[in-house]
Amino acid sequence: MKKISVIIAGRHQTSITLEEEFYEIFKKIAQKEQKSLSGLITEIDSTREQENLSSAIRVYILKYLQNELTKQSNE
């Protein structure tokens, strides 16, 4: 498990815990989208439906990967 301290929206400090595998994919998504981890976490936090931020990030990663697979299958 990887514990990450982040500042959300430039003002609220919190921490999230992700499995290494999720963390590595999350970093790749942030790079691909040309966003910082904090920036991407802030976006997820502002639209999340899950109570737990770490869970919301996992769901975001899953949906992102599902979307990428759909794009690939439509090509």
PDB file of N, CA and C in Angstrom:
ATOM      1  N   MET A   1       0.843  -1.180   0.000  1.00  0.00           N
ATOM      2  CA  MET A   1       0.000   0.000   0.000  1.00  0.00           C
ATOM      3  C   MET A   1       0.887   1.242   0.000  1.00  0.00           C
ATOM      4  N   LYS A   2       0.440   2.233  -0.723  1.00  0.00           N
ATOM      5  CA  LYS A   2       1.185   3.480  -0.837  1.00  0.00           C
ATOM      6  C   LYS A   2       0.333   4.591  -0.241  1.00  0.00           C
ATOM      7  N   LYS A   3       0.866   5.273   0.763  1.00  0.00           N
ATOM      8  CA  LYS A   3       0.173   6.395   1.380  1.00  0.00           C
ATOM      9  C   LYS A   3       0.737   7.684   0.791  1.00  0.00           C
ATOM     10  N   ILE A   4      -0.152   8.550   0.299  1.00  0.00           N
ATOM     11  CA  ILE A   4       0.258   9.767  -0.384  1.00  0.00           C
ATOM     12  C   ILE A   4      -0.382  10.965   0.311  1.00  0.00           C
ATOM     13  N   SER A   5       0.423  11.939   0.668  1.00  0.00           N
ATOM     14  CA  SER A   5      -0.097  13.186   1.214  1.00  0.00           C
ATOM     15  C   SER A   5      -0.278  14.161   0.061  1.00  0.00           C
ATOM     16  N   VAL A   6      -1.456  14.771  -0.004  1.00  0.00           N
ATOM     17  CA  VAL A   6      -1.759  15.709  -1.086  1.00  0.00           C
ATOM     18  C   VAL A   6      -2.479  16.923  -0.537  1.00  0.00           C
ATOM     19  N   ILE A   7      -2.415  17.990  -1.312  1.00  0.00           N
ATOM     20  CA  ILE A   7      -3.181  19.195  -1.004  1.00  0.00           C
ATOM     21  C   ILE A   7      -4.253  19.310  -2.071  1.00  0.00           C
ATOM     22  N   ILE A   8      -5.495  19.347  -1.645  1.00  0.00           N
ATOM     23  CA  ILE A   8      -6.632  19.419  -2.556  1.00  0.00           C
ATOM     24  C   ILE A   8      -7.041  20.873  -2.722  1.00  0.00           C
ATOM     25  N   ALA A   9      -7.198  21.267  -3.980  1.00  0.00           N
ATOM     26  CA  ALA A   9      -7.635  22.624  -4.331  1.00  0.00           C
ATOM     27  C   ALA A   9      -6.717  23.686  -3.739  1.00  0.00           C
ATOM     28  N   GLY A  10      -5.463  23.326  -3.528  1.00  0.00           N
ATOM     29  CA  GLY A  10      -4.480  24.280  -3.029  1.00  0.00           C
ATOM     30  C   GLY A  10      -4.666  24.714  -1.592  1.00  0.00           C
ATOM     31  N   ARG A  11      -5.574  24.066  -0.860  1.00  0.00           N
ATOM     32  CA  ARG A  11      -5.814  24.530   0.503  1.00  0.00           C
ATOM     33  C   ARG A  11      -6.067  23.444   1.537  1.00  0.00           C
ATOM     34  N   HIS A  12      -6.512  22.283   1.135  1.00  0.00           N
ATOM     35  CA  HIS A  12      -6.903  21.245   2.085  1.00  0.00           C
ATOM     36  C   HIS A  12      -5.929  20.076   2.012  1.00  0.00           C
ATOM     37  N   GLN A  13      -5.206  19.824   3.093  1.00  0.00           N
ATOM     38  CA  GLN A  13      -4.256  18.720   3.102  1.00  0.00           C
ATOM     39  C   GLN A  13      -4.947  17.449   3.591  1.00  0.00           C
ATOM     40  N   THR A  14      -4.677  16.360   2.875  1.00  0.00           N
ATOM     41  CA  THR A  14      -5.225  15.053   3.239  1.00  0.00           C
ATOM     42  C   THR A  14      -4.266  13.977   2.764  1.00  0.00           C
ATOM     43  N   SER A  15      -4.591  12.756   3.051  1.00  0.00           N
ATOM     44  CA  SER A  15      -3.781  11.652   2.534  1.00  0.00           C
ATOM     45  C   SER A  15      -4.709  10.594   1.964  1.00  0.00           C
ATOM     46  N   ILE A  16      -4.177   9.877   0.983  1.00  0.00           N
ATOM     47  CA  ILE A  16      -4.906   8.771   0.379  1.00  0.00           C
ATOM     48  C   ILE A  16      -4.014   7.534   0.439  1.00  0.00           C
ATOM     49  N   THR A  17      -4.631   6.386   0.398  1.00  0.00           N
ATOM     50  CA  THR A  17      -3.888   5.135   0.404  1.00  0.00           C
ATOM     51  C   THR A  17      -4.350   4.310  -0.788  1.00  0.00           C
ATOM     52  N   LEU A  18      -3.383   3.946  -1.626  1.00  0.00           N
ATOM     53  CA  LEU A  18      -3.673   3.138  -2.804  1.00  0.00           C
ATOM     54  C   LEU A  18      -2.700   1.968  -2.869  1.00  0.00           C
ATOM     55  N   GLU A  19      -3.154   0.870  -3.427  1.00  0.00           N
ATOM     56  CA  GLU A  19      -2.258  -0.236  -3.712  1.00  0.00           C
ATOM     57  C   GLU A  19      -1.238   0.249  -4.746  1.00  0.00           C
ATOM     58  N   GLU A  20      -0.047  -0.319  -4.695  1.00  0.00           N
ATOM     59  CA  GLU A  20       1.031   0.094  -5.610  1.00  0.00           C
ATOM     60  C   GLU A  20       0.578   0.071  -7.069  1.00  0.00           C
ATOM     61  N   GLU A  21      -0.157  -0.977  -7.435  1.00  0.00           N
ATOM     62  CA  GLU A  21      -0.604  -1.120  -8.819  1.00  0.00           C
ATOM     63  C   GLU A  21      -1.510   0.038  -9.234  1.00  0.00           C
ATOM     64  N   PHE A  22      -2.433   0.424  -8.370  1.00  0.00           N
ATOM     65  CA  PHE A  22      -3.302   1.563  -8.650  1.00  0.00           C
ATOM     66  C   PHE A  22      -2.497   2.858  -8.711  1.00  0.00           C
ATOM     67  N   TYR A  23      -1.566   3.015  -7.791  1.00  0.00           N
ATOM     68  CA  TYR A  23      -0.757   4.229  -7.755  1.00  0.00           C
ATOM     69  C   TYR A  23       0.051   4.387  -9.045  1.00  0.00           C
ATOM     70  N   GLU A  24       0.656   3.311  -9.519  1.00  0.00           N
ATOM     71  CA  GLU A  24       1.462   3.385 -10.747  1.00  0.00           C
ATOM     72  C   GLU A  24       0.603   3.755 -11.952  1.00  0.00           C
ATOM     73  N   ILE A  25      -0.581   3.173 -12.062  1.00  0.00           N
ATOM     74  CA  ILE A  25      -1.484   3.514 -13.169  1.00  0.00           C
ATOM     75  C   ILE A  25      -1.963   4.950 -13.020  1.00  0.00           C
ATOM     76  N   PHE A  26      -2.259   5.360 -11.806  1.00  0.00           N
ATOM     77  CA  PHE A  26      -2.728   6.726 -11.564  1.00  0.00           C
ATOM     78  C   PHE A  26      -1.679   7.750 -12.005  1.00  0.00           C
ATOM     79  N   LYS A  27      -0.415   7.475 -11.710  1.00  0.00           N
ATOM     80  CA  LYS A  27       0.665   8.374 -12.153  1.00  0.00           C
ATOM     81  C   LYS A  27       0.715   8.448 -13.677  1.00  0.00           C
ATOM     82  N   LYS A  28       0.545   7.303 -14.352  1.00  0.00           N
ATOM     83  CA  LYS A  28       0.569   7.277 -15.820  1.00  0.00           C
ATOM     84  C   LYS A  28      -0.607   8.056 -16.403  1.00  0.00           C
ATOM     85  N   ILE A  29      -1.771   7.940 -15.779  1.00  0.00           N
ATOM     86  CA  ILE A  29      -2.934   8.691 -16.249  1.00  0.00           C
ATOM     87  C   ILE A  29      -2.677  10.188 -16.107  1.00  0.00           C
ATOM     88  N   ALA A  30      -2.138  10.603 -14.971  1.00  0.00           N
ATOM     89  CA  ALA A  30      -1.843  12.024 -14.750  1.00  0.00           C
ATOM     90  C   ALA A  30      -0.860  12.534 -15.797  1.00  0.00           C
ATOM     91  N   GLN A  31       0.172  11.750 -16.097  1.00  0.00           N
ATOM     92  CA  GLN A  31       1.141  12.140 -17.126  1.00  0.00           C
ATOM     93  C   GLN A  31       0.471  12.268 -18.485  1.00  0.00           C
ATOM     94  N   LYS A  32      -0.325  11.279 -18.845  1.00  0.00           N
ATOM     95  CA  LYS A  32      -0.995  11.280 -20.146  1.00  0.00           C
ATOM     96  C   LYS A  32      -1.924  12.481 -20.277  1.00  0.00           C
ATOM     97  N   GLU A  33      -2.594  12.830 -19.205  1.00  0.00           N
ATOM     98  CA  GLU A  33      -3.525  13.960 -19.206  1.00  0.00           C
ATOM     99  C   GLU A  33      -2.818  15.296 -18.941  1.00  0.00           C
ATOM    100  N   GLN A  34      -1.516  15.234 -18.748  1.00  0.00           N
ATOM    101  CA  GLN A  34      -0.679  16.412 -18.472  1.00  0.00           C
ATOM    102  C   GLN A  34      -1.196  17.203 -17.257  1.00  0.00           C
ATOM    103  N   LYS A  35      -1.425  16.449 -16.184  1.00  0.00           N
ATOM    104  CA  LYS A  35      -1.907  17.035 -14.934  1.00  0.00           C
ATOM    105  C   LYS A  35      -1.021  16.546 -13.791  1.00  0.00           C
ATOM    106  N   SER A  36      -0.939  17.342 -12.757  1.00  0.00           N
ATOM    107  CA  SER A  36      -0.242  16.889 -11.554  1.00  0.00           C
ATOM    108  C   SER A  36      -1.151  15.922 -10.807  1.00  0.00           C
ATOM    109  N   LEU A  37      -0.561  15.109  -9.952  1.00  0.00           N
ATOM    110  CA  LEU A  37      -1.382  14.201  -9.138  1.00  0.00           C
ATOM    111  C   LEU A  37      -2.362  14.995  -8.287  1.00  0.00           C
ATOM    112  N   SER A  38      -1.878  16.079  -7.682  1.00  0.00           N
ATOM    113  CA  SER A  38      -2.760  16.904  -6.848  1.00  0.00           C
ATOM    114  C   SER A  38      -3.901  17.497  -7.666  1.00  0.00           C
ATOM    115  N   GLY A  39      -3.593  17.941  -8.882  1.00  0.00           N
ATOM    116  CA  GLY A  39      -4.626  18.510  -9.739  1.00  0.00           C
ATOM    117  C   GLY A  39      -5.676  17.482 -10.111  1.00  0.00           C
ATOM    118  N   LEU A  40      -5.235  16.288 -10.442  1.00  0.00           N
ATOM    119  CA  LEU A  40      -6.166  15.221 -10.806  1.00  0.00           C
ATOM    120  C   LEU A  40      -6.989  14.788  -9.592  1.00  0.00           C
ATOM    121  N   ILE A  41      -6.357  14.708  -8.446  1.00  0.00           N
ATOM    122  CA  ILE A  41      -7.076  14.353  -7.216  1.00  0.00           C
ATOM    123  C   ILE A  41      -8.106  15.417  -6.874  1.00  0.00           C
ATOM    124  N   THR A  42      -7.765  16.685  -7.084  1.00  0.00           N
ATOM    125  CA  THR A  42      -8.713  17.773  -6.836  1.00  0.00           C
ATOM    126  C   THR A  42      -9.939  17.626  -7.734  1.00  0.00           C
ATOM    127  N   GLU A  43      -9.716  17.299  -9.013  1.00  0.00           N
ATOM    128  CA  GLU A  43     -10.838  17.077  -9.939  1.00  0.00           C
ATOM    129  C   GLU A  43     -11.720  15.923  -9.475  1.00  0.00           C
ATOM    130  N   ILE A  44     -11.095  14.826  -9.103  1.00  0.00           N
ATOM    131  CA  ILE A  44     -11.844  13.649  -8.650  1.00  0.00           C
ATOM    132  C   ILE A  44     -12.627  13.988  -7.382  1.00  0.00           C
ATOM    133  N   ASP A  45     -11.995  14.698  -6.469  1.00  0.00           N
ATOM    134  CA  ASP A  45     -12.636  15.074  -5.209  1.00  0.00           C
ATOM    135  C   ASP A  45     -13.874  15.938  -5.438  1.00  0.00           C
ATOM    136  N   SER A  46     -13.806  16.816  -6.432  1.00  0.00           N
ATOM    137  CA  SER A  46     -14.922  17.740  -6.655  1.00  0.00           C
ATOM    138  C   SER A  46     -16.134  17.074  -7.301  1.00  0.00           C
ATOM    139  N   THR A  47     -15.946  15.882  -7.879  1.00  0.00           N
ATOM    140  CA  THR A  47     -17.065  15.211  -8.564  1.00  0.00           C
ATOM    141  C   THR A  47     -17.372  13.831  -8.001  1.00  0.00           C
ATOM    142  N   ARG A  48     -16.711  13.451  -6.943  1.00  0.00           N
ATOM    143  CA  ARG A  48     -16.856  12.065  -6.468  1.00  0.00           C
ATOM    144  C   ARG A  48     -18.228  11.791  -5.865  1.00  0.00           C
ATOM    145  N   GLU A  49     -18.638  10.554  -6.054  1.00  0.00           N
ATOM    146  CA  GLU A  49     -19.886  10.062  -5.466  1.00  0.00           C
ATOM    147  C   GLU A  49     -19.606   9.168  -4.258  1.00  0.00           C
ATOM    148  N   GLN A  50     -18.373   8.662  -4.163  1.00  0.00           N
ATOM    149  CA  GLN A  50     -17.990   7.811  -3.043  1.00  0.00           C
ATOM    150  C   GLN A  50     -17.606   8.703  -1.852  1.00  0.00           C
ATOM    151  N   GLU A  51     -17.866   8.188  -0.672  1.00  0.00           N
ATOM    152  CA  GLU A  51     -17.519   8.948   0.525  1.00  0.00           C
ATOM    153  C   GLU A  51     -16.007   8.973   0.742  1.00  0.00           C
ATOM    154  N   ASN A  52     -15.344   7.889   0.390  1.00  0.00           N
ATOM    155  CA  ASN A  52     -13.918   7.746   0.617  1.00  0.00           C
ATOM    156  C   ASN A  52     -13.143   8.183  -0.633  1.00  0.00           C
ATOM    157  N   LEU A  53     -12.200   9.117  -0.478  1.00  0.00           N
ATOM    158  CA  LEU A  53     -11.448   9.638  -1.610  1.00  0.00           C
ATOM    159  C   LEU A  53     -10.597   8.561  -2.280  1.00  0.00           C
ATOM    160  N   SER A  54      -9.977   7.705  -1.516  1.00  0.00           N
ATOM    161  CA  SER A  54      -9.178   6.625  -2.105  1.00  0.00           C
ATOM    162  C   SER A  54     -10.045   5.726  -2.980  1.00  0.00           C
ATOM    163  N   SER A  55     -11.245   5.422  -2.517  1.00  0.00           N
ATOM    164  CA  SER A  55     -12.166   4.614  -3.319  1.00  0.00           C
ATOM    165  C   SER A  55     -12.568   5.360  -4.592  1.00  0.00           C
ATOM    166  N   ALA A  56     -12.804   6.647  -4.474  1.00  0.00           N
ATOM    167  CA  ALA A  56     -13.174   7.454  -5.641  1.00  0.00           C
ATOM    168  C   ALA A  56     -12.062   7.442  -6.684  1.00  0.00           C
ATOM    169  N   ILE A  57     -10.815   7.448  -6.230  1.00  0.00           N
ATOM    170  CA  ILE A  57      -9.686   7.397  -7.163  1.00  0.00           C
ATOM    171  C   ILE A  57      -9.634   6.043  -7.856  1.00  0.00           C
ATOM    172  N   ARG A  58      -9.855   4.970  -7.123  1.00  0.00           N
ATOM    173  CA  ARG A  58      -9.874   3.639  -7.735  1.00  0.00           C
ATOM    174  C   ARG A  58     -10.977   3.541  -8.792  1.00  0.00           C
ATOM    175  N   VAL A  59     -12.155   4.073  -8.494  1.00  0.00           N
ATOM    176  CA  VAL A  59     -13.266   4.053  -9.451  1.00  0.00           C
ATOM    177  C   VAL A  59     -12.912   4.898 -10.671  1.00  0.00           C
ATOM    178  N   TYR A  60     -12.272   6.046 -10.451  1.00  0.00           N
ATOM    179  CA  TYR A  60     -11.839   6.895 -11.562  1.00  0.00           C
ATOM    180  C   TYR A  60     -10.885   6.121 -12.478  1.00  0.00           C
ATOM    181  N   ILE A  61      -9.917   5.433 -11.880  1.00  0.00           N
ATOM    182  CA  ILE A  61      -8.945   4.652 -12.654  1.00  0.00           C
ATOM    183  C   ILE A  61      -9.670   3.575 -13.461  1.00  0.00           C
ATOM    184  N   LEU A  62     -10.593   2.861 -12.835  1.00  0.00           N
ATOM    185  CA  LEU A  62     -11.338   1.812 -13.520  1.00  0.00           C
ATOM    186  C   LEU A  62     -12.114   2.381 -14.712  1.00  0.00           C
ATOM    187  N   LYS A  63     -12.828   3.481 -14.495  1.00  0.00           N
ATOM    188  CA  LYS A  63     -13.607   4.088 -15.576  1.00  0.00           C
ATOM    189  C   LYS A  63     -12.695   4.607 -16.692  1.00  0.00           C
ATOM    190  N   TYR A  64     -11.560   5.164 -16.307  1.00  0.00           N
ATOM    191  CA  TYR A  64     -10.602   5.657 -17.300  1.00  0.00           C
ATOM    192  C   TYR A  64     -10.124   4.504 -18.187  1.00  0.00           C
ATOM    193  N   LEU A  65      -9.750   3.400 -17.569  1.00  0.00           N
ATOM    194  CA  LEU A  65      -9.268   2.246 -18.322  1.00  0.00           C
ATOM    195  C   LEU A  65     -10.377   1.624 -19.172  1.00  0.00           C
ATOM    196  N   GLN A  66     -11.595   1.580 -18.648  1.00  0.00           N
ATOM    197  CA  GLN A  66     -12.725   1.075 -19.429  1.00  0.00           C
ATOM    198  C   GLN A  66     -12.941   1.941 -20.677  1.00  0.00           C
ATOM    199  N   ASN A  67     -12.839   3.255 -20.507  1.00  0.00           N
ATOM    200  CA  ASN A  67     -12.999   4.183 -21.619  1.00  0.00           C
ATOM    201  C   ASN A  67     -11.905   3.970 -22.664  1.00  0.00           C
ATOM    202  N   GLU A  68     -10.688   3.767 -22.216  1.00  0.00           N
ATOM    203  CA  GLU A  68      -9.574   3.519 -23.137  1.00  0.00           C
ATOM    204  C   GLU A  68      -9.793   2.217 -23.926  1.00  0.00           C
ATOM    205  N   LEU A  69     -10.284   1.185 -23.258  1.00  0.00           N
ATOM    206  CA  LEU A  69     -10.564  -0.084 -23.935  1.00  0.00           C
ATOM    207  C   LEU A  69     -11.684   0.082 -24.964  1.00  0.00           C
ATOM    208  N   THR A  70     -12.683   0.858 -24.623  1.00  0.00           N
ATOM    209  CA  THR A  70     -13.782   1.109 -25.561  1.00  0.00           C
ATOM    210  C   THR A  70     -13.267   1.847 -26.799  1.00  0.00           C
ATOM    211  N   LYS A  71     -12.412   2.841 -26.588  1.00  0.00           N
ATOM    212  CA  LYS A  71     -11.818   3.568 -27.721  1.00  0.00           C
ATOM    213  C   LYS A  71     -11.049   2.625 -28.610  1.00  0.00           C
ATOM    214  N   GLN A  72     -10.248   1.756 -28.032  1.00  0.00           N
ATOM    215  CA  GLN A  72      -9.427   0.815 -28.802  1.00  0.00           C
ATOM    216  C   GLN A  72     -10.283  -0.161 -29.590  1.00  0.00           C
ATOM    217  N   SER A  73     -11.363  -0.615 -29.008  1.00  0.00           N
ATOM    218  CA  SER A  73     -12.208  -1.585 -29.708  1.00  0.00           C
ATOM    219  C   SER A  73     -13.015  -0.934 -30.832  1.00  0.00           C
ATOM    220  N   ASN A  74     -13.185   0.385 -30.766  1.00  0.00           N
ATOM    221  CA  ASN A  74     -13.901   1.093 -31.821  1.00  0.00           C
ATOM    222  C   ASN A  74     -13.007   1.530 -32.972  1.00  0.00           C
ATOM    223  N   GLU A  75     -11.730   1.339 -32.849  1.00  0.00           N
ATOM    224  CA  GLU A  75     -10.790   1.754 -33.920  1.00  0.00           C
ATOM    225  C   GLU A  75     -10.681   0.704 -34.987  1.00  0.00           C
TER     226      GLU A  75
END
